[in-house]
Amino acid sequence: MNRLENHYKKIVERDLFSKLGYRQDLHFKKIHLHISLGSNTKNITKDSKALKARVYRALVGLEILTATKAQLHFCNKAVGEIQLRKGSLSGVSVSLRGLKVYDFLDQLVNQTFPSLRPFETLKKKGLDKQGNFSFRLKSILSFPMLQQNYQRFLTENGEEASMEISIQASSKNPEESLLLYSAFQLPFEGFSKAVLFCEFLRL
């Protein structure tokens, strides 16, 4: 059992019940990760070495982080802003469920967020009406696990690819989901970096 899953079963469940005043099965349903191939793909032919290199870096990066086979993502509709046609390759993604959700959260909260320079809190505007939350990491090299081989994950222009992270919870509204996210120390606005390290030491 992952230590965050153990933390959830021993502490978070009871804590949520005391704060909500009613029993609600609040849990993480899945986490979806997406690495875009970038707007410059409009200048790269489908069979070019540059595009293949971008796809390879994204696939390998996600599989290293999640121990899960990543999938190619194709546009369901045309995106005029970056000149992507319907059906064209737009990025690489992976969906995590069950124990792998806790494994990724452990890595994100206890390694990645504390290492960010400068440290940035998460914006609550990323919450939807159901309490699902999406945000973007400016660089996949924010993950210490990838920093060891950082040159492998730079684009042909020396740029760092960003990552979109979407967290889906079983909550009915943003208020419930915020209680769940805060219980796992996701650093929303008003969150102290010192608290992040204290909680890491306590787990």
N, C-alpha and C. Protein backbone atom coordinates (compact mmCIF):
# COMPACT_ATOMS: atom_id res chain seq x y z
N MET A 1 0.84 -1.20 0.00
CA MET A 1 0.00 0.00 0.00
C MET A 1 0.88 1.25 0.00
N ASN A 2 0.60 2.16 -0.92
CA ASN A 2 1.31 3.43 -0.98
C ASN A 2 1.08 4.23 0.30
N ARG A 3 2.09 5.03 0.73
CA ARG A 3 1.96 5.75 2.00
C ARG A 3 0.84 6.79 1.95
N LEU A 4 0.56 7.37 0.77
CA LEU A 4 -0.54 8.32 0.68
C LEU A 4 -1.88 7.61 0.75
N GLU A 5 -1.97 6.42 0.18
CA GLU A 5 -3.21 5.65 0.30
C GLU A 5 -3.44 5.27 1.76
N ASN A 6 -2.36 4.91 2.45
CA ASN A 6 -2.44 4.59 3.88
C ASN A 6 -2.88 5.83 4.68
N HIS A 7 -2.32 6.98 4.31
CA HIS A 7 -2.68 8.26 4.93
C HIS A 7 -4.17 8.54 4.73
N TYR A 8 -4.68 8.24 3.54
CA TYR A 8 -6.10 8.46 3.24
C TYR A 8 -6.99 7.58 4.11
N LYS A 9 -6.66 6.30 4.19
CA LYS A 9 -7.51 5.35 4.92
C LYS A 9 -7.47 5.58 6.43
N LYS A 10 -6.32 5.98 6.96
CA LYS A 10 -6.17 6.12 8.41
C LYS A 10 -6.56 7.50 8.94
N ILE A 11 -6.36 8.53 8.11
CA ILE A 11 -6.57 9.90 8.61
C ILE A 11 -7.60 10.68 7.80
N VAL A 12 -7.44 10.72 6.49
CA VAL A 12 -8.24 11.62 5.66
C VAL A 12 -9.72 11.28 5.70
N GLU A 13 -10.08 10.02 5.61
CA GLU A 13 -11.49 9.64 5.61
C GLU A 13 -12.22 10.17 6.84
N ARG A 14 -11.63 9.97 8.02
CA ARG A 14 -12.25 10.43 9.27
C ARG A 14 -12.26 11.96 9.35
N ASP A 15 -11.19 12.57 8.87
CA ASP A 15 -11.08 14.02 8.90
C ASP A 15 -12.14 14.66 8.01
N LEU A 16 -12.37 14.10 6.83
CA LEU A 16 -13.38 14.62 5.92
C LEU A 16 -14.78 14.50 6.53
N PHE A 17 -15.02 13.38 7.20
CA PHE A 17 -16.33 13.17 7.83
C PHE A 17 -16.58 14.23 8.91
N SER A 18 -15.56 14.52 9.71
CA SER A 18 -15.72 15.51 10.78
C SER A 18 -15.93 16.92 10.24
N LYS A 19 -15.31 17.23 9.10
CA LYS A 19 -15.42 18.57 8.52
C LYS A 19 -16.72 18.76 7.74
N LEU A 20 -17.15 17.70 7.05
CA LEU A 20 -18.37 17.80 6.24
C LEU A 20 -19.64 17.65 7.09
N GLY A 21 -19.54 16.84 8.15
CA GLY A 21 -20.71 16.60 8.99
C GLY A 21 -21.60 15.51 8.44
N TYR A 22 -21.20 14.90 7.34
CA TYR A 22 -21.94 13.78 6.76
C TYR A 22 -20.95 12.88 6.04
N ARG A 23 -21.34 11.64 5.89
CA ARG A 23 -20.43 10.67 5.26
C ARG A 23 -20.53 10.76 3.74
N GLN A 24 -19.39 11.00 3.12
CA GLN A 24 -19.33 11.14 1.67
C GLN A 24 -18.09 10.39 1.18
N ASP A 25 -18.28 9.53 0.20
CA ASP A 25 -17.16 8.75 -0.33
C ASP A 25 -16.33 9.63 -1.26
N LEU A 26 -15.50 10.46 -0.66
CA LEU A 26 -14.65 11.35 -1.44
C LEU A 26 -13.33 10.65 -1.76
N HIS A 27 -13.03 10.55 -3.03
CA HIS A 27 -11.78 9.91 -3.43
C HIS A 27 -11.38 10.40 -4.81
N PHE A 28 -10.17 10.07 -5.21
CA PHE A 28 -9.69 10.42 -6.54
C PHE A 28 -10.14 9.35 -7.53
N LYS A 29 -10.84 9.76 -8.57
CA LYS A 29 -11.30 8.79 -9.58
C LYS A 29 -10.20 8.51 -10.59
N LYS A 30 -9.54 9.58 -11.06
CA LYS A 30 -8.42 9.40 -11.97
C LYS A 30 -7.63 10.69 -12.12
N ILE A 31 -6.42 10.56 -12.62
CA ILE A 31 -5.58 11.70 -12.97
C ILE A 31 -5.17 11.54 -14.43
N HIS A 32 -5.38 12.57 -15.21
CA HIS A 32 -5.04 12.53 -16.64
C HIS A 32 -3.87 13.48 -16.90
N LEU A 33 -2.84 12.98 -17.53
CA LEU A 33 -1.66 13.78 -17.86
C LEU A 33 -1.55 13.91 -19.37
N HIS A 34 -1.23 15.11 -19.83
CA HIS A 34 -1.13 15.35 -21.27
C HIS A 34 0.07 16.25 -21.57
N ILE A 35 0.90 15.81 -22.48
CA ILE A 35 2.03 16.62 -22.96
C ILE A 35 1.74 17.01 -24.40
N SER A 36 1.60 18.30 -24.63
CA SER A 36 1.35 18.79 -25.98
C SER A 36 2.64 18.75 -26.80
N LEU A 37 2.48 18.53 -28.09
CA LEU A 37 3.65 18.54 -28.97
C LEU A 37 4.01 19.95 -29.38
N GLY A 38 3.19 20.92 -28.98
CA GLY A 38 3.53 22.32 -29.22
C GLY A 38 2.93 22.88 -30.49
N SER A 39 2.82 24.19 -30.50
CA SER A 39 2.22 24.87 -31.66
C SER A 39 3.09 24.81 -32.90
N ASN A 40 4.38 24.56 -32.72
CA ASN A 40 5.28 24.54 -33.87
C ASN A 40 5.14 23.30 -34.74
N THR A 41 4.24 22.38 -34.34
CA THR A 41 4.07 21.17 -35.14
C THR A 41 3.49 21.49 -36.51
N LYS A 42 2.89 22.66 -36.66
CA LYS A 42 2.35 23.02 -37.97
C LYS A 42 3.47 23.14 -39.02
N ASN A 43 4.69 23.33 -38.56
CA ASN A 43 5.82 23.44 -39.47
C ASN A 43 6.61 22.14 -39.60
N ILE A 44 6.08 21.08 -38.99
CA ILE A 44 6.79 19.80 -39.01
C ILE A 44 5.96 18.77 -39.75
N THR A 45 6.51 18.15 -40.74
CA THR A 45 5.77 17.15 -41.49
C THR A 45 5.58 15.90 -40.65
N LYS A 46 4.55 15.12 -40.98
CA LYS A 46 4.18 13.95 -40.19
C LYS A 46 5.31 12.95 -40.07
N ASP A 47 6.13 12.82 -41.08
CA ASP A 47 7.18 11.81 -41.07
C ASP A 47 8.56 12.38 -40.72
N SER A 48 8.61 13.62 -40.28
CA SER A 48 9.90 14.24 -40.01
C SER A 48 10.55 13.68 -38.75
N LYS A 49 11.86 13.75 -38.70
CA LYS A 49 12.62 13.29 -37.54
C LYS A 49 12.30 14.14 -36.32
N ALA A 50 12.06 15.45 -36.54
CA ALA A 50 11.79 16.36 -35.43
C ALA A 50 10.50 15.96 -34.71
N LEU A 51 9.45 15.65 -35.47
CA LEU A 51 8.18 15.26 -34.85
C LEU A 51 8.33 13.92 -34.13
N LYS A 52 9.00 12.98 -34.75
CA LYS A 52 9.21 11.68 -34.12
C LYS A 52 9.98 11.83 -32.81
N ALA A 53 10.95 12.75 -32.80
CA ALA A 53 11.74 12.97 -31.59
C ALA A 53 10.87 13.56 -30.47
N ARG A 54 9.98 14.48 -30.84
CA ARG A 54 9.08 15.06 -29.84
C ARG A 54 8.16 14.00 -29.25
N VAL A 55 7.60 13.17 -30.12
CA VAL A 55 6.70 12.12 -29.67
C VAL A 55 7.45 11.15 -28.76
N TYR A 56 8.64 10.77 -29.14
CA TYR A 56 9.44 9.83 -28.35
C TYR A 56 9.73 10.40 -26.96
N ARG A 57 10.13 11.68 -26.89
CA ARG A 57 10.45 12.31 -25.60
C ARG A 57 9.22 12.32 -24.69
N ALA A 58 8.07 12.66 -25.27
CA ALA A 58 6.84 12.73 -24.48
C ALA A 58 6.43 11.34 -23.98
N LEU A 59 6.49 10.34 -24.85
CA LEU A 59 6.13 8.98 -24.47
C LEU A 59 7.03 8.46 -23.35
N VAL A 60 8.32 8.62 -23.54
CA VAL A 60 9.28 8.13 -22.55
C VAL A 60 9.12 8.88 -21.23
N GLY A 61 8.95 10.21 -21.29
CA GLY A 61 8.80 10.99 -20.07
C GLY A 61 7.60 10.55 -19.24
N LEU A 62 6.45 10.37 -19.89
CA LEU A 62 5.26 9.95 -19.17
C LEU A 62 5.39 8.54 -18.61
N GLU A 63 6.01 7.66 -19.36
CA GLU A 63 6.15 6.28 -18.90
C GLU A 63 7.13 6.17 -17.73
N ILE A 64 8.16 7.02 -17.72
CA ILE A 64 9.09 7.04 -16.58
C ILE A 64 8.37 7.54 -15.33
N LEU A 65 7.55 8.57 -15.48
CA LEU A 65 6.88 9.17 -14.34
C LEU A 65 5.77 8.30 -13.76
N THR A 66 5.09 7.55 -14.62
CA THR A 66 3.88 6.86 -14.18
C THR A 66 3.95 5.34 -14.23
N ALA A 67 4.99 4.79 -14.85
CA ALA A 67 5.09 3.34 -15.04
C ALA A 67 3.85 2.81 -15.77
N THR A 68 3.32 3.64 -16.67
CA THR A 68 2.14 3.30 -17.45
C THR A 68 2.38 3.64 -18.92
N LYS A 69 1.92 2.80 -19.80
CA LYS A 69 2.12 3.04 -21.23
C LYS A 69 1.29 4.24 -21.67
N ALA A 70 1.94 5.23 -22.24
CA ALA A 70 1.25 6.43 -22.71
C ALA A 70 0.64 6.20 -24.09
N GLN A 71 -0.34 7.05 -24.42
CA GLN A 71 -1.05 6.93 -25.69
C GLN A 71 -0.91 8.21 -26.51
N LEU A 72 -0.94 8.06 -27.82
CA LEU A 72 -0.95 9.22 -28.71
C LEU A 72 -2.33 9.85 -28.69
N HIS A 73 -2.36 11.17 -28.75
CA HIS A 73 -3.63 11.89 -28.72
C HIS A 73 -3.81 12.65 -30.03
N PHE A 74 -4.98 12.48 -30.65
CA PHE A 74 -5.28 13.14 -31.92
C PHE A 74 -6.42 14.12 -31.75
N CYS A 75 -6.40 15.21 -32.50
CA CYS A 75 -7.42 16.25 -32.39
C CYS A 75 -8.78 15.73 -32.83
N ASN A 76 -9.81 16.00 -32.00
CA ASN A 76 -11.17 15.64 -32.37
C ASN A 76 -11.79 16.68 -33.31
N LYS A 77 -11.21 17.87 -33.28
CA LYS A 77 -11.67 18.94 -34.16
C LYS A 77 -10.50 19.84 -34.50
N ALA A 78 -10.67 20.63 -35.51
CA ALA A 78 -9.61 21.54 -35.94
C ALA A 78 -9.39 22.64 -34.90
N VAL A 79 -8.12 23.02 -34.72
CA VAL A 79 -7.76 24.11 -33.80
C VAL A 79 -7.07 25.19 -34.63
N GLY A 80 -7.84 26.24 -34.95
CA GLY A 80 -7.34 27.26 -35.86
C GLY A 80 -6.17 28.04 -35.33
N GLU A 81 -6.12 28.25 -34.00
CA GLU A 81 -5.07 29.08 -33.41
C GLU A 81 -3.68 28.55 -33.69
N ILE A 82 -3.54 27.22 -33.68
CA ILE A 82 -2.22 26.63 -33.92
C ILE A 82 -2.21 25.79 -35.19
N GLN A 83 -3.26 25.99 -36.03
CA GLN A 83 -3.33 25.37 -37.35
C GLN A 83 -3.23 23.84 -37.28
N LEU A 84 -3.98 23.25 -36.38
CA LEU A 84 -4.05 21.78 -36.30
C LEU A 84 -5.35 21.32 -36.94
N ARG A 85 -5.26 20.37 -37.83
CA ARG A 85 -6.44 19.84 -38.49
C ARG A 85 -7.05 18.72 -37.67
N LYS A 86 -8.33 18.46 -37.90
CA LYS A 86 -9.00 17.35 -37.24
C LYS A 86 -8.29 16.05 -37.59
N GLY A 87 -8.00 15.25 -36.56
CA GLY A 87 -7.33 13.98 -36.78
C GLY A 87 -5.81 14.06 -36.73
N SER A 88 -5.27 15.27 -36.61
CA SER A 88 -3.81 15.41 -36.57
C SER A 88 -3.28 15.13 -35.17
N LEU A 89 -2.04 14.69 -35.08
CA LEU A 89 -1.40 14.35 -33.81
C LEU A 89 -1.15 15.62 -33.00
N SER A 90 -1.66 15.66 -31.77
CA SER A 90 -1.52 16.88 -30.97
C SER A 90 -0.71 16.69 -29.70
N GLY A 91 -0.61 15.45 -29.22
CA GLY A 91 0.13 15.25 -27.98
C GLY A 91 0.14 13.81 -27.53
N VAL A 92 0.63 13.62 -26.32
CA VAL A 92 0.74 12.28 -25.72
C VAL A 92 0.11 12.35 -24.34
N SER A 93 -0.67 11.33 -23.98
CA SER A 93 -1.37 11.38 -22.70
C SER A 93 -1.43 10.02 -22.03
N VAL A 94 -1.77 10.05 -20.73
CA VAL A 94 -1.94 8.82 -19.95
C VAL A 94 -2.95 9.10 -18.85
N SER A 95 -3.78 8.10 -18.53
CA SER A 95 -4.75 8.22 -17.45
C SER A 95 -4.39 7.24 -16.33
N LEU A 96 -4.42 7.74 -15.10
CA LEU A 96 -4.03 6.93 -13.94
C LEU A 96 -5.25 6.68 -13.06
N ARG A 97 -5.36 5.47 -12.56
CA ARG A 97 -6.45 5.12 -11.65
C ARG A 97 -5.89 4.24 -10.53
N GLY A 98 -6.69 4.14 -9.46
CA GLY A 98 -6.31 3.25 -8.37
C GLY A 98 -5.02 3.65 -7.67
N LEU A 99 -4.18 2.66 -7.40
CA LEU A 99 -2.93 2.88 -6.67
C LEU A 99 -2.00 3.84 -7.40
N LYS A 100 -2.04 3.85 -8.72
CA LYS A 100 -1.14 4.72 -9.48
C LYS A 100 -1.47 6.19 -9.28
N VAL A 101 -2.71 6.49 -8.91
CA VAL A 101 -3.07 7.87 -8.58
C VAL A 101 -2.28 8.32 -7.36
N TYR A 102 -2.23 7.48 -6.33
CA TYR A 102 -1.51 7.82 -5.10
C TYR A 102 0.01 7.87 -5.35
N ASP A 103 0.51 6.98 -6.18
CA ASP A 103 1.94 6.99 -6.50
C ASP A 103 2.32 8.32 -7.16
N PHE A 104 1.49 8.77 -8.10
CA PHE A 104 1.79 10.02 -8.79
C PHE A 104 1.64 11.22 -7.86
N LEU A 105 0.59 11.23 -7.04
CA LEU A 105 0.40 12.34 -6.09
C LEU A 105 1.55 12.44 -5.11
N ASP A 106 2.04 11.29 -4.66
CA ASP A 106 3.18 11.27 -3.74
C ASP A 106 4.38 11.97 -4.38
N GLN A 107 4.63 11.63 -5.62
CA GLN A 107 5.75 12.23 -6.37
C GLN A 107 5.52 13.72 -6.60
N LEU A 108 4.29 14.08 -6.94
CA LEU A 108 3.96 15.47 -7.25
C LEU A 108 4.06 16.37 -6.01
N VAL A 109 3.45 15.93 -4.91
CA VAL A 109 3.37 16.76 -3.70
C VAL A 109 4.66 16.79 -2.91
N ASN A 110 5.33 15.66 -2.79
CA ASN A 110 6.49 15.56 -1.90
C ASN A 110 7.84 15.76 -2.59
N GLN A 111 7.86 15.78 -3.92
CA GLN A 111 9.12 15.98 -4.63
C GLN A 111 9.05 17.17 -5.59
N THR A 112 8.01 17.20 -6.42
CA THR A 112 7.95 18.20 -7.49
C THR A 112 7.62 19.60 -6.98
N PHE A 113 6.50 19.75 -6.27
CA PHE A 113 6.12 21.08 -5.79
C PHE A 113 7.19 21.73 -4.91
N PRO A 114 7.79 21.00 -3.94
CA PRO A 114 8.81 21.65 -3.10
C PRO A 114 10.06 22.09 -3.87
N SER A 115 10.29 21.48 -5.05
CA SER A 115 11.50 21.81 -5.80
C SER A 115 11.30 22.94 -6.79
N LEU A 116 10.06 23.42 -6.96
CA LEU A 116 9.80 24.47 -7.93
C LEU A 116 10.47 25.78 -7.53
N ARG A 117 11.11 26.41 -8.48
CA ARG A 117 11.76 27.71 -8.28
C ARG A 117 11.32 28.65 -9.42
N PRO A 118 10.54 29.70 -9.12
CA PRO A 118 9.98 30.01 -7.80
C PRO A 118 8.79 29.10 -7.49
N PHE A 119 8.48 29.00 -6.20
CA PHE A 119 7.35 28.18 -5.78
C PHE A 119 6.04 28.89 -6.13
N GLU A 120 5.15 28.20 -6.82
CA GLU A 120 3.88 28.79 -7.23
C GLU A 120 2.72 27.97 -6.69
N THR A 121 1.75 28.65 -6.08
CA THR A 121 0.57 27.95 -5.59
C THR A 121 -0.39 27.69 -6.75
N LEU A 122 -1.33 26.78 -6.54
CA LEU A 122 -2.31 26.43 -7.55
C LEU A 122 -3.49 27.40 -7.49
N LYS A 123 -4.03 27.77 -8.65
CA LYS A 123 -5.13 28.73 -8.72
C LYS A 123 -6.47 28.00 -8.68
N LYS A 124 -7.36 28.46 -7.81
CA LYS A 124 -8.66 27.82 -7.65
C LYS A 124 -9.55 27.96 -8.88
N LYS A 125 -9.20 28.86 -9.78
CA LYS A 125 -9.99 29.01 -10.99
C LYS A 125 -9.89 27.78 -11.90
N GLY A 126 -8.95 26.88 -11.57
CA GLY A 126 -8.84 25.64 -12.33
C GLY A 126 -9.87 24.60 -11.95
N LEU A 127 -10.71 24.91 -10.95
CA LEU A 127 -11.79 24.00 -10.52
C LEU A 127 -13.02 24.18 -11.39
N ASP A 128 -13.67 23.06 -11.77
CA ASP A 128 -14.93 23.17 -12.48
C ASP A 128 -16.09 23.01 -11.49
N LYS A 129 -17.32 22.98 -11.97
CA LYS A 129 -18.50 22.95 -11.10
C LYS A 129 -18.60 21.65 -10.31
N GLN A 130 -18.01 20.57 -10.82
CA GLN A 130 -18.05 19.29 -10.12
C GLN A 130 -16.88 19.12 -9.14
N GLY A 131 -15.94 20.06 -9.21
CA GLY A 131 -14.80 19.97 -8.31
C GLY A 131 -13.58 19.32 -8.93
N ASN A 132 -13.65 18.99 -10.21
CA ASN A 132 -12.46 18.47 -10.89
C ASN A 132 -11.50 19.63 -11.10
N PHE A 133 -10.21 19.34 -11.11
CA PHE A 133 -9.21 20.41 -11.13
C PHE A 133 -8.17 20.17 -12.21
N SER A 134 -7.86 21.21 -12.96
CA SER A 134 -6.85 21.14 -14.02
C SER A 134 -5.85 22.28 -13.86
N PHE A 135 -4.58 21.96 -14.09
CA PHE A 135 -3.54 22.98 -14.05
C PHE A 135 -2.39 22.56 -14.96
N ARG A 136 -1.48 23.47 -15.17
CA ARG A 136 -0.36 23.21 -16.08
C ARG A 136 0.96 23.41 -15.37
N LEU A 137 1.87 22.45 -15.54
CA LEU A 137 3.25 22.62 -15.12
C LEU A 137 4.02 23.15 -16.33
N LYS A 138 4.77 24.22 -16.11
CA LYS A 138 5.46 24.85 -17.24
C LYS A 138 6.48 23.94 -17.91
N SER A 139 7.02 23.01 -17.13
CA SER A 139 8.06 22.12 -17.68
C SER A 139 7.94 20.73 -17.08
N ILE A 140 8.07 19.71 -17.92
CA ILE A 140 8.07 18.34 -17.39
C ILE A 140 9.35 18.09 -16.60
N LEU A 141 10.34 18.96 -16.78
CA LEU A 141 11.58 18.83 -16.02
C LEU A 141 11.42 19.33 -14.59
N SER A 142 10.19 19.73 -14.22
CA SER A 142 9.91 20.05 -12.82
C SER A 142 9.96 18.78 -11.97
N PHE A 143 9.82 17.63 -12.62
CA PHE A 143 9.87 16.35 -11.91
C PHE A 143 11.33 15.93 -11.72
N PRO A 144 11.78 15.80 -10.47
CA PRO A 144 13.17 15.40 -10.20
C PRO A 144 13.56 14.11 -10.90
N MET A 145 12.60 13.21 -11.10
CA MET A 145 12.90 11.94 -11.75
C MET A 145 13.40 12.12 -13.18
N LEU A 146 12.98 13.21 -13.84
CA LEU A 146 13.39 13.47 -15.22
C LEU A 146 14.60 14.38 -15.30
N GLN A 147 14.89 15.08 -14.21
CA GLN A 147 16.01 16.03 -14.22
C GLN A 147 17.36 15.34 -14.38
N GLN A 148 17.43 14.08 -13.99
CA GLN A 148 18.70 13.35 -14.09
C GLN A 148 19.16 13.22 -15.55
N ASN A 149 18.18 13.19 -16.47
CA ASN A 149 18.50 13.08 -17.89
C ASN A 149 17.81 14.21 -18.65
N TYR A 150 17.97 15.44 -18.13
CA TYR A 150 17.19 16.55 -18.66
C TYR A 150 17.41 16.79 -20.15
N GLN A 151 18.63 16.54 -20.67
CA GLN A 151 18.90 16.82 -22.07
C GLN A 151 18.05 15.97 -23.01
N ARG A 152 17.63 14.80 -22.54
CA ARG A 152 16.79 13.93 -23.36
C ARG A 152 15.40 14.51 -23.58
N PHE A 153 14.98 15.42 -22.69
CA PHE A 153 13.61 15.90 -22.74
C PHE A 153 13.49 17.34 -23.22
N LEU A 154 14.55 17.90 -23.75
CA LEU A 154 14.50 19.20 -24.37
C LEU A 154 14.09 19.05 -25.83
N THR A 155 13.35 20.01 -26.36
CA THR A 155 12.97 19.96 -27.77
C THR A 155 14.18 20.29 -28.63
N GLU A 156 13.99 20.19 -29.94
CA GLU A 156 15.10 20.46 -30.86
C GLU A 156 15.56 21.92 -30.76
N ASN A 157 14.70 22.79 -30.18
CA ASN A 157 15.06 24.20 -30.00
C ASN A 157 15.57 24.49 -28.60
N GLY A 158 15.76 23.43 -27.81
CA GLY A 158 16.23 23.59 -26.45
C GLY A 158 15.15 24.00 -25.48
N GLU A 159 13.87 23.89 -25.90
CA GLU A 159 12.75 24.27 -25.04
C GLU A 159 12.33 23.09 -24.17
N GLU A 160 11.60 23.40 -23.11
CA GLU A 160 11.09 22.37 -22.22
C GLU A 160 9.59 22.22 -22.42
N ALA A 161 9.13 21.00 -22.65
CA ALA A 161 7.71 20.76 -22.88
C ALA A 161 6.93 20.94 -21.59
N SER A 162 5.70 21.46 -21.70
CA SER A 162 4.84 21.63 -20.53
C SER A 162 3.92 20.41 -20.39
N MET A 163 3.24 20.33 -19.24
CA MET A 163 2.33 19.21 -18.99
C MET A 163 1.02 19.72 -18.39
N GLU A 164 -0.08 19.25 -18.96
CA GLU A 164 -1.40 19.53 -18.42
C GLU A 164 -1.79 18.39 -17.48
N ILE A 165 -2.24 18.72 -16.28
CA ILE A 165 -2.62 17.72 -15.29
C ILE A 165 -4.08 17.96 -14.89
N SER A 166 -4.92 16.93 -15.05
CA SER A 166 -6.33 17.03 -14.70
C SER A 166 -6.65 15.98 -13.64
N ILE A 167 -7.21 16.44 -12.51
CA ILE A 167 -7.54 15.54 -11.41
C ILE A 167 -9.06 15.44 -11.30
N GLN A 168 -9.57 14.23 -11.39
CA GLN A 168 -11.01 14.01 -11.31
C GLN A 168 -11.34 13.36 -9.97
N ALA A 169 -12.22 14.00 -9.21
CA ALA A 169 -12.61 13.50 -7.89
C ALA A 169 -14.08 13.08 -7.89
N SER A 170 -14.48 12.37 -6.85
CA SER A 170 -15.87 11.90 -6.74
C SER A 170 -16.76 12.93 -6.06
N SER A 171 -16.26 14.14 -5.89
CA SER A 171 -17.00 15.19 -5.19
C SER A 171 -18.20 15.67 -6.01
N LYS A 172 -19.12 16.34 -5.32
CA LYS A 172 -20.31 16.88 -5.97
C LYS A 172 -20.18 18.37 -6.26
N ASN A 173 -19.19 19.00 -5.63
CA ASN A 173 -19.01 20.44 -5.79
C ASN A 173 -17.57 20.81 -5.46
N PRO A 174 -17.14 22.03 -5.80
CA PRO A 174 -15.76 22.47 -5.55
C PRO A 174 -15.38 22.48 -4.07
N GLU A 175 -16.35 22.77 -3.20
CA GLU A 175 -16.05 22.83 -1.76
C GLU A 175 -15.60 21.47 -1.24
N GLU A 176 -16.30 20.41 -1.64
CA GLU A 176 -15.92 19.07 -1.22
C GLU A 176 -14.55 18.69 -1.76
N SER A 177 -14.33 18.98 -3.04
CA SER A 177 -13.06 18.58 -3.65
C SER A 177 -11.88 19.33 -3.03
N LEU A 178 -12.08 20.60 -2.66
CA LEU A 178 -10.99 21.35 -2.03
C LEU A 178 -10.58 20.74 -0.71
N LEU A 179 -11.55 20.21 0.03
CA LEU A 179 -11.22 19.53 1.28
C LEU A 179 -10.36 18.30 1.01
N LEU A 180 -10.72 17.55 -0.04
CA LEU A 180 -9.95 16.36 -0.40
C LEU A 180 -8.56 16.74 -0.87
N TYR A 181 -8.45 17.71 -1.76
CA TYR A 181 -7.14 18.12 -2.29
C TYR A 181 -6.25 18.68 -1.18
N SER A 182 -6.84 19.47 -0.29
CA SER A 182 -6.06 20.05 0.80
C SER A 182 -5.55 18.98 1.76
N ALA A 183 -6.34 17.91 1.92
CA ALA A 183 -5.93 16.82 2.80
C ALA A 183 -4.67 16.13 2.29
N PHE A 184 -4.43 16.26 0.98
CA PHE A 184 -3.23 15.67 0.39
C PHE A 184 -2.18 16.74 0.09
N GLN A 185 -2.37 17.91 0.68
CA GLN A 185 -1.39 19.01 0.62
C GLN A 185 -1.14 19.55 -0.78
N LEU A 186 -2.14 19.53 -1.64
CA LEU A 186 -2.00 20.23 -2.91
C LEU A 186 -1.97 21.73 -2.60
N PRO A 187 -0.93 22.43 -3.01
CA PRO A 187 -0.69 23.81 -2.56
C PRO A 187 -1.52 24.87 -3.28
N PHE A 188 -2.78 25.03 -2.86
CA PHE A 188 -3.64 26.07 -3.44
C PHE A 188 -3.26 27.44 -2.89
N GLU A 189 -3.87 28.48 -3.44
CA GLU A 189 -3.60 29.85 -3.01
C GLU A 189 -3.74 29.98 -1.50
N GLY A 190 -2.78 30.63 -0.86
CA GLY A 190 -2.79 30.79 0.58
C GLY A 190 -2.07 29.68 1.31
N PHE A 191 -1.54 28.73 0.54
CA PHE A 191 -0.84 27.59 1.14
C PHE A 191 0.62 27.96 1.37
N SER A 192 1.15 27.61 2.54
CA SER A 192 2.54 27.93 2.88
C SER A 192 3.47 26.80 2.45
N LYS A 193 4.58 27.16 1.82
CA LYS A 193 5.56 26.14 1.42
C LYS A 193 6.11 25.41 2.64
N ALA A 194 6.21 26.11 3.78
CA ALA A 194 6.72 25.47 4.99
C ALA A 194 5.81 24.32 5.42
N VAL A 195 4.49 24.49 5.22
CA VAL A 195 3.53 23.45 5.57
C VAL A 195 3.78 22.21 4.74
N LEU A 196 4.13 22.41 3.47
CA LEU A 196 4.39 21.30 2.57
C LEU A 196 5.49 20.42 3.10
N PHE A 197 6.57 21.01 3.57
CA PHE A 197 7.70 20.23 4.09
C PHE A 197 7.34 19.58 5.42
N CYS A 198 6.56 20.26 6.26
CA CYS A 198 6.14 19.68 7.55
C CYS A 198 5.30 18.44 7.32
N GLU A 199 4.37 18.52 6.38
CA GLU A 199 3.49 17.38 6.10
C GLU A 199 4.29 16.24 5.51
N PHE A 200 5.28 16.57 4.69
CA PHE A 200 6.12 15.52 4.10
C PHE A 200 6.85 14.74 5.18
N LEU A 201 7.35 15.43 6.20
CA LEU A 201 8.07 14.79 7.28
C LEU A 201 7.15 13.94 8.14
N ARG A 202 5.86 14.33 8.20
CA ARG A 202 4.92 13.62 9.05
C ARG A 202 4.46 12.31 8.42
N LEU A 203 4.44 12.23 7.09
CA LEU A 203 3.94 11.03 6.41
C LEU A 203 4.86 9.83 6.61
